[in-house]
Each structure stands twice: as structure tokens, then as C-alpha cells.
Amino acid sequence: MSKNQAPWGVLVWAGRWSYSLYLIHPLVISLCFKFNFLTEGSRLDSAAMMMLILIASYLCYLAIERPSHNLARKIPLFYSGDPKQATPYIESVERATLKLSRPVKETSA
């Protein structure tokens, strides 16, 4: 894949909910073993458990992760748009950042 090509759509889509997959898979696996569900060790059971993990992860993403991301975008602390439309708090933080990022004059000895 060259630098100018967009990544595959499926990978981008799956990447959005990969954190939910990371968080949910141990829970699903432990619940399956606790209730002796899909634990025969066959390939079919392994594939079914994988599908169950993927479904549970995606549902967690839809129910928890995506709404929390949308909420975070509305909080001024996480504002990433035009600075002119930002709240006074964000503007004061940006001014302080600009003051800190100014180059320091070097003194000659």
C-alpha cells in the first residue's frame, strides 16, 4: 500500500472498536468457561467463541465507547476546532501554551 492510498475500509471500521475488543474478550472467555459454554475445544466451538467475542465487543462499542466519544467532543476541554469559537478557558490555555513555546533568548558568555 502506498502512502497516498487510504487504508482498507474494513480495517478502519474494525480499528474503531478494537479497544472494546481488548476490554471485552477476557470477560466473554471467562463467562464461557464459567458456564461451560463453547468449551469442548473443537474448531467449531473456537470459531463460535470468536464470533461471540466480536459481537459482544461491537455491541460494547455501540453502547458505551461511541457515545462517550461523542460526549467528549462536546466538552470544551477536548475542543479541537477553530480556536476563535472556543470557550474562554480554552483560549487562556492556548495563550499559556504560546507563552511557554516561545524561544528563549540565548545569552552569550
C-alpha atoms as a PDB file:
ATOM      1  CA  MET A   1       0.000   0.000   0.000  1.00  0.00           C
ATOM      2  CA  SER A   2       1.452   3.349  -0.979  1.00  0.00           C
ATOM      3  CA  LYS A   3       1.441   6.424   1.225  1.00  0.00           C
ATOM      4  CA  ASN A   4      -1.272   8.082  -0.856  1.00  0.00           C
ATOM      5  CA  GLN A   5      -3.757   5.200  -0.656  1.00  0.00           C
ATOM      6  CA  ALA A   6      -6.414   5.111   2.042  1.00  0.00           C
ATOM      7  CA  PRO A   7      -6.348   2.020   4.265  1.00  0.00           C
ATOM      8  CA  TRP A   8      -8.909  -0.681   3.711  1.00  0.00           C
ATOM      9  CA  GLY A   9     -12.327   0.377   4.936  1.00  0.00           C
ATOM     10  CA  VAL A  10     -12.851  -2.834   6.902  1.00  0.00           C
ATOM     11  CA  LEU A  11      -9.631  -2.327   8.839  1.00  0.00           C
ATOM     12  CA  VAL A  12     -10.533   1.268   9.677  1.00  0.00           C
ATOM     13  CA  TRP A  13     -14.002   0.150  10.791  1.00  0.00           C
ATOM     14  CA  ALA A  14     -12.569  -2.659  12.934  1.00  0.00           C
ATOM     15  CA  GLY A  15      -9.920  -0.349  14.357  1.00  0.00           C
ATOM     16  CA  ARG A  16     -12.614   1.932  15.757  1.00  0.00           C
ATOM     17  CA  TRP A  17     -13.896  -0.759  18.090  1.00  0.00           C
ATOM     18  CA  SER A  18     -10.653  -2.638  18.732  1.00  0.00           C
ATOM     19  CA  TYR A  19     -10.344  -1.147  22.242  1.00  0.00           C
ATOM     20  CA  SER A  20     -13.726  -2.659  23.116  1.00  0.00           C
ATOM     21  CA  LEU A  21     -12.431  -5.979  21.796  1.00  0.00           C
ATOM     22  CA  TYR A  22      -9.377  -5.647  24.039  1.00  0.00           C
ATOM     23  CA  LEU A  23     -11.554  -4.941  27.077  1.00  0.00           C
ATOM     24  CA  ILE A  24     -14.355  -7.443  26.487  1.00  0.00           C
ATOM     25  CA  HIS A  25     -12.608 -10.593  25.293  1.00  0.00           C
ATOM     26  CA  PRO A  26     -11.362 -11.762  28.732  1.00  0.00           C
ATOM     27  CA  LEU A  27     -14.845 -11.292  30.169  1.00  0.00           C
ATOM     28  CA  VAL A  28     -16.527 -13.303  27.407  1.00  0.00           C
ATOM     29  CA  ILE A  29     -13.937 -16.086  27.620  1.00  0.00           C
ATOM     30  CA  SER A  30     -14.211 -16.348  31.403  1.00  0.00           C
ATOM     31  CA  LEU A  31     -18.020 -16.382  31.254  1.00  0.00           C
ATOM     32  CA  CYS A  32     -17.931 -19.136  28.641  1.00  0.00           C
ATOM     33  CA  PHE A  33     -15.697 -21.260  30.847  1.00  0.00           C
ATOM     34  CA  LYS A  34     -17.682 -20.488  33.994  1.00  0.00           C
ATOM     35  CA  PHE A  35     -20.919 -21.686  32.384  1.00  0.00           C
ATOM     36  CA  ASN A  36     -19.208 -24.451  30.351  1.00  0.00           C
ATOM     37  CA  PHE A  37     -20.392 -22.875  27.100  1.00  0.00           C
ATOM     38  CA  LEU A  38     -18.392 -23.464  23.911  1.00  0.00           C
ATOM     39  CA  THR A  39     -15.581 -25.166  25.833  1.00  0.00           C
ATOM     40  CA  GLU A  40     -15.365 -28.537  24.050  1.00  0.00           C
ATOM     41  CA  GLY A  41     -12.199 -27.453  22.256  1.00  0.00           C
ATOM     42  CA  SER A  42     -13.451 -28.200  18.761  1.00  0.00           C
ATOM     43  CA  ARG A  43     -12.771 -25.859  15.878  1.00  0.00           C
ATOM     44  CA  LEU A  44     -16.467 -25.063  15.660  1.00  0.00           C
ATOM     45  CA  ASP A  45     -16.564 -24.085  19.342  1.00  0.00           C
ATOM     46  CA  SER A  46     -13.466 -21.910  18.917  1.00  0.00           C
ATOM     47  CA  ALA A  47     -14.967 -20.175  15.883  1.00  0.00           C
ATOM     48  CA  ALA A  48     -18.278 -19.685  17.715  1.00  0.00           C
ATOM     49  CA  MET A  49     -16.496 -18.226  20.748  1.00  0.00           C
ATOM     50  CA  MET A  50     -14.569 -15.867  18.469  1.00  0.00           C
ATOM     51  CA  MET A  51     -17.826 -14.730  16.862  1.00  0.00           C
ATOM     52  CA  LEU A  52     -19.361 -14.232  20.311  1.00  0.00           C
ATOM     53  CA  ILE A  53     -16.360 -12.126  21.355  1.00  0.00           C
ATOM     54  CA  LEU A  54     -16.586  -9.997  18.202  1.00  0.00           C
ATOM     55  CA  ILE A  55     -20.331  -9.458  18.599  1.00  0.00           C
ATOM     56  CA  ALA A  56     -20.033  -8.565  22.299  1.00  0.00           C
ATOM     57  CA  SER A  57     -17.150  -6.189  21.553  1.00  0.00           C
ATOM     58  CA  TYR A  58     -19.023  -4.396  18.804  1.00  0.00           C
ATOM     59  CA  LEU A  59     -22.128  -4.064  20.979  1.00  0.00           C
ATOM     60  CA  CYS A  60     -19.966  -2.621  23.768  1.00  0.00           C
ATOM     61  CA  TYR A  61     -18.524  -0.148  21.278  1.00  0.00           C
ATOM     62  CA  LEU A  62     -22.000   0.902  20.128  1.00  0.00           C
ATOM     63  CA  ALA A  63     -23.439   1.140  23.643  1.00  0.00           C
ATOM     64  CA  ILE A  64     -20.524   2.650  25.592  1.00  0.00           C
ATOM     65  CA  GLU A  65     -17.452   3.694  23.629  1.00  0.00           C
ATOM     66  CA  ARG A  66     -19.003   5.597  20.705  1.00  0.00           C
ATOM     67  CA  PRO A  67     -21.461   7.590  22.873  1.00  0.00           C
ATOM     68  CA  SER A  68     -18.637   8.508  25.261  1.00  0.00           C
ATOM     69  CA  HIS A  69     -16.518   9.731  22.331  1.00  0.00           C
ATOM     70  CA  ASN A  70     -19.414  11.852  21.102  1.00  0.00           C
ATOM     71  CA  LEU A  71     -19.888  13.281  24.582  1.00  0.00           C
ATOM     72  CA  ALA A  72     -16.172  14.041  24.917  1.00  0.00           C
ATOM     73  CA  ARG A  73     -16.291  16.046  21.688  1.00  0.00           C
ATOM     74  CA  LYS A  74     -18.909  18.314  23.274  1.00  0.00           C
ATOM     75  CA  ILE A  75     -16.811  19.059  26.362  1.00  0.00           C
ATOM     76  CA  PRO A  76     -14.768  22.254  25.829  1.00  0.00           C
ATOM     77  CA  LEU A  77     -11.700  20.669  27.408  1.00  0.00           C
ATOM     78  CA  PHE A  78     -11.482  18.330  24.428  1.00  0.00           C
ATOM     79  CA  TYR A  79     -12.279  21.018  21.849  1.00  0.00           C
ATOM     80  CA  SER A  80     -10.313  20.605  18.638  1.00  0.00           C
ATOM     81  CA  GLY A  81     -11.987  23.031  16.219  1.00  0.00           C
ATOM     82  CA  ASP A  82     -11.460  26.683  15.384  1.00  0.00           C
ATOM     83  CA  PRO A  83      -9.797  28.457  18.364  1.00  0.00           C
ATOM     84  CA  LYS A  84     -11.902  31.570  17.715  1.00  0.00           C
ATOM     85  CA  GLN A  85     -15.030  29.618  18.663  1.00  0.00           C
ATOM     86  CA  ALA A  86     -13.500  28.060  21.768  1.00  0.00           C
ATOM     87  CA  THR A  87     -14.522  28.916  25.282  1.00  0.00           C
ATOM     88  CA  PRO A  88     -12.541  31.497  27.278  1.00  0.00           C
ATOM     89  CA  TYR A  89     -10.953  28.644  29.243  1.00  0.00           C
ATOM     90  CA  ILE A  90      -9.542  27.077  26.106  1.00  0.00           C
ATOM     91  CA  GLU A  91      -8.300  30.444  24.872  1.00  0.00           C
ATOM     92  CA  SER A  92      -6.482  31.040  28.164  1.00  0.00           C
ATOM     93  CA  VAL A  93      -4.856  27.598  27.919  1.00  0.00           C
ATOM     94  CA  GLU A  94      -3.738  28.347  24.370  1.00  0.00           C
ATOM     95  CA  ARG A  95      -2.276  31.694  25.433  1.00  0.00           C
ATOM     96  CA  ALA A  96      -0.376  29.988  28.229  1.00  0.00           C
ATOM     97  CA  THR A  97       0.889  27.357  25.795  1.00  0.00           C
ATOM     98  CA  LEU A  98       2.063  30.042  23.397  1.00  0.00           C
ATOM     99  CA  LYS A  99       3.946  31.762  26.197  1.00  0.00           C
ATOM    100  CA  LEU A 100       5.679  28.514  27.078  1.00  0.00           C
ATOM    101  CA  SER A 101       6.550  27.686  23.491  1.00  0.00           C
ATOM    102  CA  ARG A 102       8.318  30.975  22.708  1.00  0.00           C
ATOM    103  CA  PRO A 103      12.017  30.517  22.131  1.00  0.00           C
ATOM    104  CA  VAL A 104      14.249  31.528  24.970  1.00  0.00           C
ATOM    105  CA  LYS A 105      16.870  34.138  24.148  1.00  0.00           C
ATOM    106  CA  GLU A 106      20.333  32.766  24.472  1.00  0.00           C
ATOM    107  CA  THR A 107      22.826  34.844  26.373  1.00  0.00           C
ATOM    108  CA  SER A 108      26.360  34.988  25.146  1.00  0.00           C
ATOM    109  CA  ALA A 109      29.010  34.397  27.757  1.00  0.00           C
END
